[in-house]
Amino acid sequence: MDQASWTLLPKVRGVQGVSCATATFDPTTFYWHITIELAYGTTGPLGQVGDVYLHAATGAFAGAPQAEEFRQRAEALAAVYGIE
């Protein structure tokens, strides 16, 4: 999961509190399914804001995760909890 974090997090730079939550490997496709969640030290996990698929051998993403999408979802989720 650390490798996934290092690969993914630069793509969502500026989205504070977003991290890789869980990773499940599919040996048939050789992809990791990684859930992305919003969490802060003061609140803990608030919820999932998306997911990505990362190829285990190449590090390539299936599809094209957009940082802006994660940011918008994270902001909306944080607002539900009164976090700005």
PDB file of N, CA and C in Angstrom:
ATOM      1  N   MET A   1       0.823  -1.186   0.000  1.00  0.00           N
ATOM      2  CA  MET A   1       0.000   0.000   0.000  1.00  0.00           C
ATOM      3  C   MET A   1       0.870   1.254   0.000  1.00  0.00           C
ATOM      4  N   ASP A   2       2.053   1.186   0.611  1.00  0.00           N
ATOM      5  CA  ASP A   2       2.921   2.356   0.609  1.00  0.00           C
ATOM      6  C   ASP A   2       3.276   2.783  -0.809  1.00  0.00           C
ATOM      7  N   GLN A   3       3.578   1.807  -1.683  1.00  0.00           N
ATOM      8  CA  GLN A   3       3.891   2.137  -3.075  1.00  0.00           C
ATOM      9  C   GLN A   3       2.702   2.809  -3.741  1.00  0.00           C
ATOM     10  N   ALA A   4       1.515   2.313  -3.472  1.00  0.00           N
ATOM     11  CA  ALA A   4       0.322   2.925  -4.041  1.00  0.00           C
ATOM     12  C   ALA A   4       0.177   4.356  -3.554  1.00  0.00           C
ATOM     13  N   SER A   5       0.443   4.598  -2.288  1.00  0.00           N
ATOM     14  CA  SER A   5       0.354   5.946  -1.743  1.00  0.00           C
ATOM     15  C   SER A   5       1.336   6.873  -2.449  1.00  0.00           C
ATOM     16  N   TRP A   6       2.557   6.413  -2.631  1.00  0.00           N
ATOM     17  CA  TRP A   6       3.566   7.256  -3.276  1.00  0.00           C
ATOM     18  C   TRP A   6       3.227   7.514  -4.738  1.00  0.00           C
ATOM     19  N   THR A   7       2.582   6.562  -5.388  1.00  0.00           N
ATOM     20  CA  THR A   7       2.204   6.728  -6.784  1.00  0.00           C
ATOM     21  C   THR A   7       0.984   7.615  -6.925  1.00  0.00           C
ATOM     22  N   LEU A   8       0.015   7.440  -6.060  1.00  0.00           N
ATOM     23  CA  LEU A   8      -1.255   8.139  -6.186  1.00  0.00           C
ATOM     24  C   LEU A   8      -1.228   9.545  -5.614  1.00  0.00           C
ATOM     25  N   LEU A   9      -0.676   9.709  -4.438  1.00  0.00           N
ATOM     26  CA  LEU A   9      -0.815  10.983  -3.744  1.00  0.00           C
ATOM     27  C   LEU A   9      -0.280  12.191  -4.501  1.00  0.00           C
ATOM     28  N   PRO A  10       0.806  12.084  -5.251  1.00  0.00           N
ATOM     29  CA  PRO A  10       1.198  13.259  -6.041  1.00  0.00           C
ATOM     30  C   PRO A  10       0.126  13.678  -7.052  1.00  0.00           C
ATOM     31  N   LYS A  11      -0.691  12.738  -7.507  1.00  0.00           N
ATOM     32  CA  LYS A  11      -1.740  13.060  -8.470  1.00  0.00           C
ATOM     33  C   LYS A  11      -2.892  13.815  -7.816  1.00  0.00           C
ATOM     34  N   VAL A  12      -3.033  13.683  -6.502  1.00  0.00           N
ATOM     35  CA  VAL A  12      -4.099  14.391  -5.798  1.00  0.00           C
ATOM     36  C   VAL A  12      -3.500  15.436  -4.854  1.00  0.00           C
ATOM     37  N   ARG A  13      -2.352  15.944  -5.223  1.00  0.00           N
ATOM     38  CA  ARG A  13      -1.661  16.967  -4.447  1.00  0.00           C
ATOM     39  C   ARG A  13      -2.610  18.136  -4.184  1.00  0.00           C
ATOM     40  N   GLY A  14      -2.574  18.651  -3.004  1.00  0.00           N
ATOM     41  CA  GLY A  14      -3.427  19.761  -2.649  1.00  0.00           C
ATOM     42  C   GLY A  14      -4.769  19.324  -2.080  1.00  0.00           C
ATOM     43  N   VAL A  15      -5.023  18.036  -2.080  1.00  0.00           N
ATOM     44  CA  VAL A  15      -6.265  17.526  -1.490  1.00  0.00           C
ATOM     45  C   VAL A  15      -5.899  17.053  -0.090  1.00  0.00           C
ATOM     46  N   GLN A  16      -5.997  17.952   0.856  1.00  0.00           N
ATOM     47  CA  GLN A  16      -5.574  17.666   2.217  1.00  0.00           C
ATOM     48  C   GLN A  16      -6.455  16.606   2.855  1.00  0.00           C
ATOM     49  N   GLY A  17      -5.831  15.649   3.510  1.00  0.00           N
ATOM     50  CA  GLY A  17      -6.557  14.622   4.229  1.00  0.00           C
ATOM     51  C   GLY A  17      -6.892  13.387   3.413  1.00  0.00           C
ATOM     52  N   VAL A  18      -6.515  13.364   2.137  1.00  0.00           N
ATOM     53  CA  VAL A  18      -6.824  12.219   1.289  1.00  0.00           C
ATOM     54  C   VAL A  18      -5.695  11.201   1.379  1.00  0.00           C
ATOM     55  N   SER A  19      -6.072   9.931   1.593  1.00  0.00           N
ATOM     56  CA  SER A  19      -5.061   8.885   1.690  1.00  0.00           C
ATOM     57  C   SER A  19      -5.609   7.559   1.170  1.00  0.00           C
ATOM     58  N   CYS A  20      -4.688   6.644   0.919  1.00  0.00           N
ATOM     59  CA  CYS A  20      -5.074   5.298   0.498  1.00  0.00           C
ATOM     60  C   CYS A  20      -5.537   4.541   1.730  1.00  0.00           C
ATOM     61  N   ALA A  21      -6.771   4.031   1.677  1.00  0.00           N
ATOM     62  CA  ALA A  21      -7.349   3.382   2.854  1.00  0.00           C
ATOM     63  C   ALA A  21      -7.145   1.877   2.847  1.00  0.00           C
ATOM     64  N   THR A  22      -7.580   1.218   1.787  1.00  0.00           N
ATOM     65  CA  THR A  22      -7.429  -0.233   1.689  1.00  0.00           C
ATOM     66  C   THR A  22      -6.982  -0.588   0.284  1.00  0.00           C
ATOM     67  N   ALA A  23      -6.354  -1.738   0.175  1.00  0.00           N
ATOM     68  CA  ALA A  23      -5.923  -2.221  -1.136  1.00  0.00           C
ATOM     69  C   ALA A  23      -6.216  -3.714  -1.219  1.00  0.00           C
ATOM     70  N   THR A  24      -6.838  -4.111  -2.321  1.00  0.00           N
ATOM     71  CA  THR A  24      -7.152  -5.511  -2.554  1.00  0.00           C
ATOM     72  C   THR A  24      -6.543  -5.913  -3.887  1.00  0.00           C
ATOM     73  N   PHE A  25      -5.743  -6.970  -3.863  1.00  0.00           N
ATOM     74  CA  PHE A  25      -5.072  -7.420  -5.077  1.00  0.00           C
ATOM     75  C   PHE A  25      -5.913  -8.444  -5.818  1.00  0.00           C
ATOM     76  N   ASP A  26      -6.022  -8.278  -7.130  1.00  0.00           N
ATOM     77  CA  ASP A  26      -6.721  -9.246  -7.981  1.00  0.00           C
ATOM     78  C   ASP A  26      -5.668  -9.959  -8.831  1.00  0.00           C
ATOM     79  N   PRO A  27      -5.325 -11.204  -8.505  1.00  0.00           N
ATOM     80  CA  PRO A  27      -4.276 -11.909  -9.241  1.00  0.00           C
ATOM     81  C   PRO A  27      -4.647 -12.203 -10.693  1.00  0.00           C
ATOM     82  N   THR A  28      -5.933 -12.187 -11.010  1.00  0.00           N
ATOM     83  CA  THR A  28      -6.355 -12.447 -12.383  1.00  0.00           C
ATOM     84  C   THR A  28      -5.977 -11.282 -13.296  1.00  0.00           C
ATOM     85  N   THR A  29      -6.210 -10.058 -12.824  1.00  0.00           N
ATOM     86  CA  THR A  29      -5.924  -8.867 -13.644  1.00  0.00           C
ATOM     87  C   THR A  29      -4.566  -8.262 -13.313  1.00  0.00           C
ATOM     88  N   PHE A  30      -4.003  -8.622 -12.162  1.00  0.00           N
ATOM     89  CA  PHE A  30      -2.747  -8.088 -11.649  1.00  0.00           C
ATOM     90  C   PHE A  30      -2.876  -6.608 -11.284  1.00  0.00           C
ATOM     91  N   TYR A  31      -4.093  -6.207 -10.924  1.00  0.00           N
ATOM     92  CA  TYR A  31      -4.351  -4.833 -10.487  1.00  0.00           C
ATOM     93  C   TYR A  31      -4.689  -4.805  -9.004  1.00  0.00           C
ATOM     94  N   TRP A  32      -4.252  -3.727  -8.367  1.00  0.00           N
ATOM     95  CA  TRP A  32      -4.678  -3.410  -7.016  1.00  0.00           C
ATOM     96  C   TRP A  32      -5.906  -2.518  -7.108  1.00  0.00           C
ATOM     97  N   HIS A  33      -6.937  -2.820  -6.336  1.00  0.00           N
ATOM     98  CA  HIS A  33      -8.091  -1.937  -6.180  1.00  0.00           C
ATOM     99  C   HIS A  33      -7.850  -1.179  -4.876  1.00  0.00           C
ATOM    100  N   ILE A  34      -7.722   0.129  -4.970  1.00  0.00           N
ATOM    101  CA  ILE A  34      -7.349   0.946  -3.820  1.00  0.00           C
ATOM    102  C   ILE A  34      -8.453   1.950  -3.528  1.00  0.00           C
ATOM    103  N   THR A  35      -8.956   1.918  -2.311  1.00  0.00           N
ATOM    104  CA  THR A  35      -9.960   2.904  -1.915  1.00  0.00           C
ATOM    105  C   THR A  35      -9.255   4.141  -1.367  1.00  0.00           C
ATOM    106  N   ILE A  36      -9.808   5.290  -1.696  1.00  0.00           N
ATOM    107  CA  ILE A  36      -9.251   6.569  -1.277  1.00  0.00           C
ATOM    108  C   ILE A  36     -10.229   7.189  -0.288  1.00  0.00           C
ATOM    109  N   GLU A  37      -9.726   7.568   0.881  1.00  0.00           N
ATOM    110  CA  GLU A  37     -10.613   8.133   1.883  1.00  0.00           C
ATOM    111  C   GLU A  37     -10.111   9.486   2.372  1.00  0.00           C
ATOM    112  N   LEU A  38     -11.032  10.205   2.978  1.00  0.00           N
ATOM    113  CA  LEU A  38     -10.712  11.469   3.614  1.00  0.00           C
ATOM    114  C   LEU A  38     -10.597  11.204   5.109  1.00  0.00           C
ATOM    115  N   ALA A  39      -9.486  11.592   5.695  1.00  0.00           N
ATOM    116  CA  ALA A  39      -9.272  11.395   7.122  1.00  0.00           C
ATOM    117  C   ALA A  39      -8.375  12.505   7.644  1.00  0.00           C
ATOM    118  N   TYR A  40      -8.677  12.962   8.835  1.00  0.00           N
ATOM    119  CA  TYR A  40      -7.850  13.960   9.506  1.00  0.00           C
ATOM    120  C   TYR A  40      -7.430  13.411  10.860  1.00  0.00           C
ATOM    121  N   GLY A  41      -6.305  13.876  11.366  1.00  0.00           N
ATOM    122  CA  GLY A  41      -5.825  13.424  12.666  1.00  0.00           C
ATOM    123  C   GLY A  41      -6.804  13.716  13.787  1.00  0.00           C
ATOM    124  N   THR A  42      -7.521  14.816  13.670  1.00  0.00           N
ATOM    125  CA  THR A  42      -8.440  15.207  14.742  1.00  0.00           C
ATOM    126  C   THR A  42      -9.776  14.481  14.678  1.00  0.00           C
ATOM    127  N   THR A  43     -10.139  13.957  13.508  1.00  0.00           N
ATOM    128  CA  THR A  43     -11.452  13.320  13.356  1.00  0.00           C
ATOM    129  C   THR A  43     -11.376  11.838  13.031  1.00  0.00           C
ATOM    130  N   GLY A  44     -10.254  11.411  12.486  1.00  0.00           N
ATOM    131  CA  GLY A  44     -10.160  10.049  11.971  1.00  0.00           C
ATOM    132  C   GLY A  44     -10.814   9.981  10.603  1.00  0.00           C
ATOM    133  N   PRO A  45     -11.052   8.782  10.092  1.00  0.00           N
ATOM    134  CA  PRO A  45     -11.644   8.634   8.756  1.00  0.00           C
ATOM    135  C   PRO A  45     -13.061   9.203   8.700  1.00  0.00           C
ATOM    136  N   LEU A  46     -13.327   9.972   7.639  1.00  0.00           N
ATOM    137  CA  LEU A  46     -14.662  10.543   7.438  1.00  0.00           C
ATOM    138  C   LEU A  46     -15.448   9.779   6.387  1.00  0.00           C
ATOM    139  N   GLY A  47     -14.750   9.135   5.453  1.00  0.00           N
ATOM    140  CA  GLY A  47     -15.432   8.362   4.426  1.00  0.00           C
ATOM    141  C   GLY A  47     -14.640   8.273   3.142  1.00  0.00           C
ATOM    142  N   GLN A  48     -15.126   7.445   2.261  1.00  0.00           N
ATOM    143  CA  GLN A  48     -14.471   7.198   0.973  1.00  0.00           C
ATOM    144  C   GLN A  48     -14.810   8.308  -0.016  1.00  0.00           C
ATOM    145  N   VAL A  49     -13.786   8.777  -0.737  1.00  0.00           N
ATOM    146  CA  VAL A  49     -14.002   9.800  -1.761  1.00  0.00           C
ATOM    147  C   VAL A  49     -13.737   9.278  -3.166  1.00  0.00           C
ATOM    148  N   GLY A  50     -13.337   8.027  -3.272  1.00  0.00           N
ATOM    149  CA  GLY A  50     -13.107   7.442  -4.589  1.00  0.00           C
ATOM    150  C   GLY A  50     -12.301   6.167  -4.494  1.00  0.00           C
ATOM    151  N   ASP A  51     -11.973   5.636  -5.654  1.00  0.00           N
ATOM    152  CA  ASP A  51     -11.109   4.471  -5.711  1.00  0.00           C
ATOM    153  C   ASP A  51     -10.371   4.474  -7.039  1.00  0.00           C
ATOM    154  N   VAL A  52      -9.279   3.725  -7.062  1.00  0.00           N
ATOM    155  CA  VAL A  52      -8.457   3.626  -8.263  1.00  0.00           C
ATOM    156  C   VAL A  52      -8.005   2.179  -8.434  1.00  0.00           C
ATOM    157  N   TYR A  53      -7.578   1.874  -9.644  1.00  0.00           N
ATOM    158  CA  TYR A  53      -6.993   0.568  -9.953  1.00  0.00           C
ATOM    159  C   TYR A  53      -5.575   0.811 -10.443  1.00  0.00           C
ATOM    160  N   LEU A  54      -4.614   0.162  -9.786  1.00  0.00           N
ATOM    161  CA  LEU A  54      -3.201   0.364 -10.066  1.00  0.00           C
ATOM    162  C   LEU A  54      -2.577  -0.973 -10.449  1.00  0.00           C
ATOM    163  N   HIS A  55      -1.932  -1.028 -11.630  1.00  0.00           N
ATOM    164  CA  HIS A  55      -1.315  -2.271 -12.085  1.00  0.00           C
ATOM    165  C   HIS A  55      -0.085  -2.572 -11.232  1.00  0.00           C
ATOM    166  N   ALA A  56      -0.018  -3.792 -10.719  1.00  0.00           N
ATOM    167  CA  ALA A  56       1.036  -4.173  -9.788  1.00  0.00           C
ATOM    168  C   ALA A  56       2.432  -4.143 -10.415  1.00  0.00           C
ATOM    169  N   ALA A  57       2.555  -4.481 -11.683  1.00  0.00           N
ATOM    170  CA  ALA A  57       3.875  -4.551 -12.312  1.00  0.00           C
ATOM    171  C   ALA A  57       4.325  -3.212 -12.883  1.00  0.00           C
ATOM    172  N   THR A  58       3.397  -2.479 -13.488  1.00  0.00           N
ATOM    173  CA  THR A  58       3.792  -1.256 -14.192  1.00  0.00           C
ATOM    174  C   THR A  58       3.536   0.023 -13.402  1.00  0.00           C
ATOM    175  N   GLY A  59       2.640  -0.041 -12.424  1.00  0.00           N
ATOM    176  CA  GLY A  59       2.279   1.166 -11.683  1.00  0.00           C
ATOM    177  C   GLY A  59       1.319   2.060 -12.440  1.00  0.00           C
ATOM    178  N   ALA A  60       0.833   1.577 -13.599  1.00  0.00           N
ATOM    179  CA  ALA A  60      -0.092   2.365 -14.418  1.00  0.00           C
ATOM    180  C   ALA A  60      -1.498   2.283 -13.837  1.00  0.00           C
ATOM    181  N   PHE A  61      -2.216   3.387 -13.942  1.00  0.00           N
ATOM    182  CA  PHE A  61      -3.603   3.419 -13.503  1.00  0.00           C
ATOM    183  C   PHE A  61      -4.517   2.927 -14.607  1.00  0.00           C
ATOM    184  N   ALA A  62      -5.557   2.183 -14.228  1.00  0.00           N
ATOM    185  CA  ALA A  62      -6.620   1.836 -15.174  1.00  0.00           C
ATOM    186  C   ALA A  62      -7.569   3.024 -15.155  1.00  0.00           C
ATOM    187  N   GLY A  63      -7.834   3.589 -16.298  1.00  0.00           N
ATOM    188  CA  GLY A  63      -8.620   4.814 -16.329  1.00  0.00           C
ATOM    189  C   GLY A  63      -7.711   5.983 -15.998  1.00  0.00           C
ATOM    190  N   ALA A  64      -8.308   7.095 -15.701  1.00  0.00           N
ATOM    191  CA  ALA A  64      -7.515   8.286 -15.407  1.00  0.00           C
ATOM    192  C   ALA A  64      -8.113   9.019 -14.208  1.00  0.00           C
ATOM    193  N   PRO A  65      -7.688   8.669 -12.995  1.00  0.00           N
ATOM    194  CA  PRO A  65      -8.222   9.367 -11.829  1.00  0.00           C
ATOM    195  C   PRO A  65      -7.885  10.852 -11.891  1.00  0.00           C
ATOM    196  N   GLN A  66      -8.877  11.670 -11.637  1.00  0.00           N
ATOM    197  CA  GLN A  66      -8.696  13.113 -11.713  1.00  0.00           C
ATOM    198  C   GLN A  66      -8.621  13.705 -10.310  1.00  0.00           C
ATOM    199  N   ALA A  67      -7.548  14.415 -10.039  1.00  0.00           N
ATOM    200  CA  ALA A  67      -7.358  15.026  -8.723  1.00  0.00           C
ATOM    201  C   ALA A  67      -8.517  15.958  -8.388  1.00  0.00           C
ATOM    202  N   GLU A  68      -9.026  16.661  -9.363  1.00  0.00           N
ATOM    203  CA  GLU A  68     -10.126  17.600  -9.126  1.00  0.00           C
ATOM    204  C   GLU A  68     -11.378  16.882  -8.622  1.00  0.00           C
ATOM    205  N   GLU A  69     -11.642  15.707  -9.149  1.00  0.00           N
ATOM    206  CA  GLU A  69     -12.785  14.915  -8.695  1.00  0.00           C
ATOM    207  C   GLU A  69     -12.645  14.530  -7.223  1.00  0.00           C
ATOM    208  N   PHE A  70     -11.446  14.071  -6.842  1.00  0.00           N
ATOM    209  CA  PHE A  70     -11.187  13.716  -5.453  1.00  0.00           C
ATOM    210  C   PHE A  70     -11.328  14.945  -4.559  1.00  0.00           C
ATOM    211  N   ARG A  71     -10.817  16.082  -5.027  1.00  0.00           N
ATOM    212  CA  ARG A  71     -10.877  17.317  -4.243  1.00  0.00           C
ATOM    213  C   ARG A  71     -12.324  17.723  -3.990  1.00  0.00           C
ATOM    214  N   GLN A  72     -13.141  17.694  -5.035  1.00  0.00           N
ATOM    215  CA  GLN A  72     -14.547  18.078  -4.885  1.00  0.00           C
ATOM    216  C   GLN A  72     -15.282  17.148  -3.929  1.00  0.00           C
ATOM    217  N   ARG A  73     -15.054  15.863  -4.057  1.00  0.00           N
ATOM    218  CA  ARG A  73     -15.702  14.897  -3.163  1.00  0.00           C
ATOM    219  C   ARG A  73     -15.232  15.089  -1.729  1.00  0.00           C
ATOM    220  N   ALA A  74     -13.927  15.329  -1.556  1.00  0.00           N
ATOM    221  CA  ALA A  74     -13.377  15.530  -0.214  1.00  0.00           C
ATOM    222  C   ALA A  74     -13.955  16.789   0.422  1.00  0.00           C
ATOM    223  N   GLU A  75     -14.048  17.872  -0.348  1.00  0.00           N
ATOM    224  CA  GLU A  75     -14.614  19.112   0.183  1.00  0.00           C
ATOM    225  C   GLU A  75     -16.075  18.927   0.581  1.00  0.00           C
ATOM    226  N   ALA A  76     -16.839  18.224  -0.238  1.00  0.00           N
ATOM    227  CA  ALA A  76     -18.253  17.991   0.066  1.00  0.00           C
ATOM    228  C   ALA A  76     -18.395  17.141   1.331  1.00  0.00           C
ATOM    229  N   LEU A  77     -17.569  16.120   1.464  1.00  0.00           N
ATOM    230  CA  LEU A  77     -17.620  15.250   2.635  1.00  0.00           C
ATOM    231  C   LEU A  77     -17.203  16.021   3.891  1.00  0.00           C
ATOM    232  N   ALA A  78     -16.151  16.804   3.792  1.00  0.00           N
ATOM    233  CA  ALA A  78     -15.700  17.597   4.940  1.00  0.00           C
ATOM    234  C   ALA A  78     -16.783  18.586   5.370  1.00  0.00           C
ATOM    235  N   ALA A  79     -17.482  19.178   4.411  1.00  0.00           N
ATOM    236  CA  ALA A  79     -18.544  20.135   4.732  1.00  0.00           C
ATOM    237  C   ALA A  79     -19.664  19.477   5.538  1.00  0.00           C
ATOM    238  N   VAL A  80     -19.957  18.217   5.246  1.00  0.00           N
ATOM    239  CA  VAL A  80     -20.980  17.489   6.008  1.00  0.00           C
ATOM    240  C   VAL A  80     -20.612  17.444   7.487  1.00  0.00           C
ATOM    241  N   TYR A  81     -19.311  17.364   7.772  1.00  0.00           N
ATOM    242  CA  TYR A  81     -18.820  17.294   9.147  1.00  0.00           C
ATOM    243  C   TYR A  81     -18.446  18.659   9.703  1.00  0.00           C
ATOM    244  N   GLY A  82     -18.739  19.719   8.947  1.00  0.00           N
ATOM    245  CA  GLY A  82     -18.448  21.072   9.410  1.00  0.00           C
ATOM    246  C   GLY A  82     -16.975  21.446   9.354  1.00  0.00           C
ATOM    247  N   ILE A  83     -16.212  20.777   8.499  1.00  0.00           N
ATOM    248  CA  ILE A  83     -14.783  21.050   8.348  1.00  0.00           C
ATOM    249  C   ILE A  83     -14.584  21.867   7.075  1.00  0.00           C
ATOM    250  N   GLU A  84     -13.866  22.963   7.212  1.00  0.00           N
ATOM    251  CA  GLU A  84     -13.601  23.809   6.033  1.00  0.00           C
ATOM    252  C   GLU A  84     -12.181  23.672   5.579  1.00  0.00           C
TER     253      GLU A  84
END
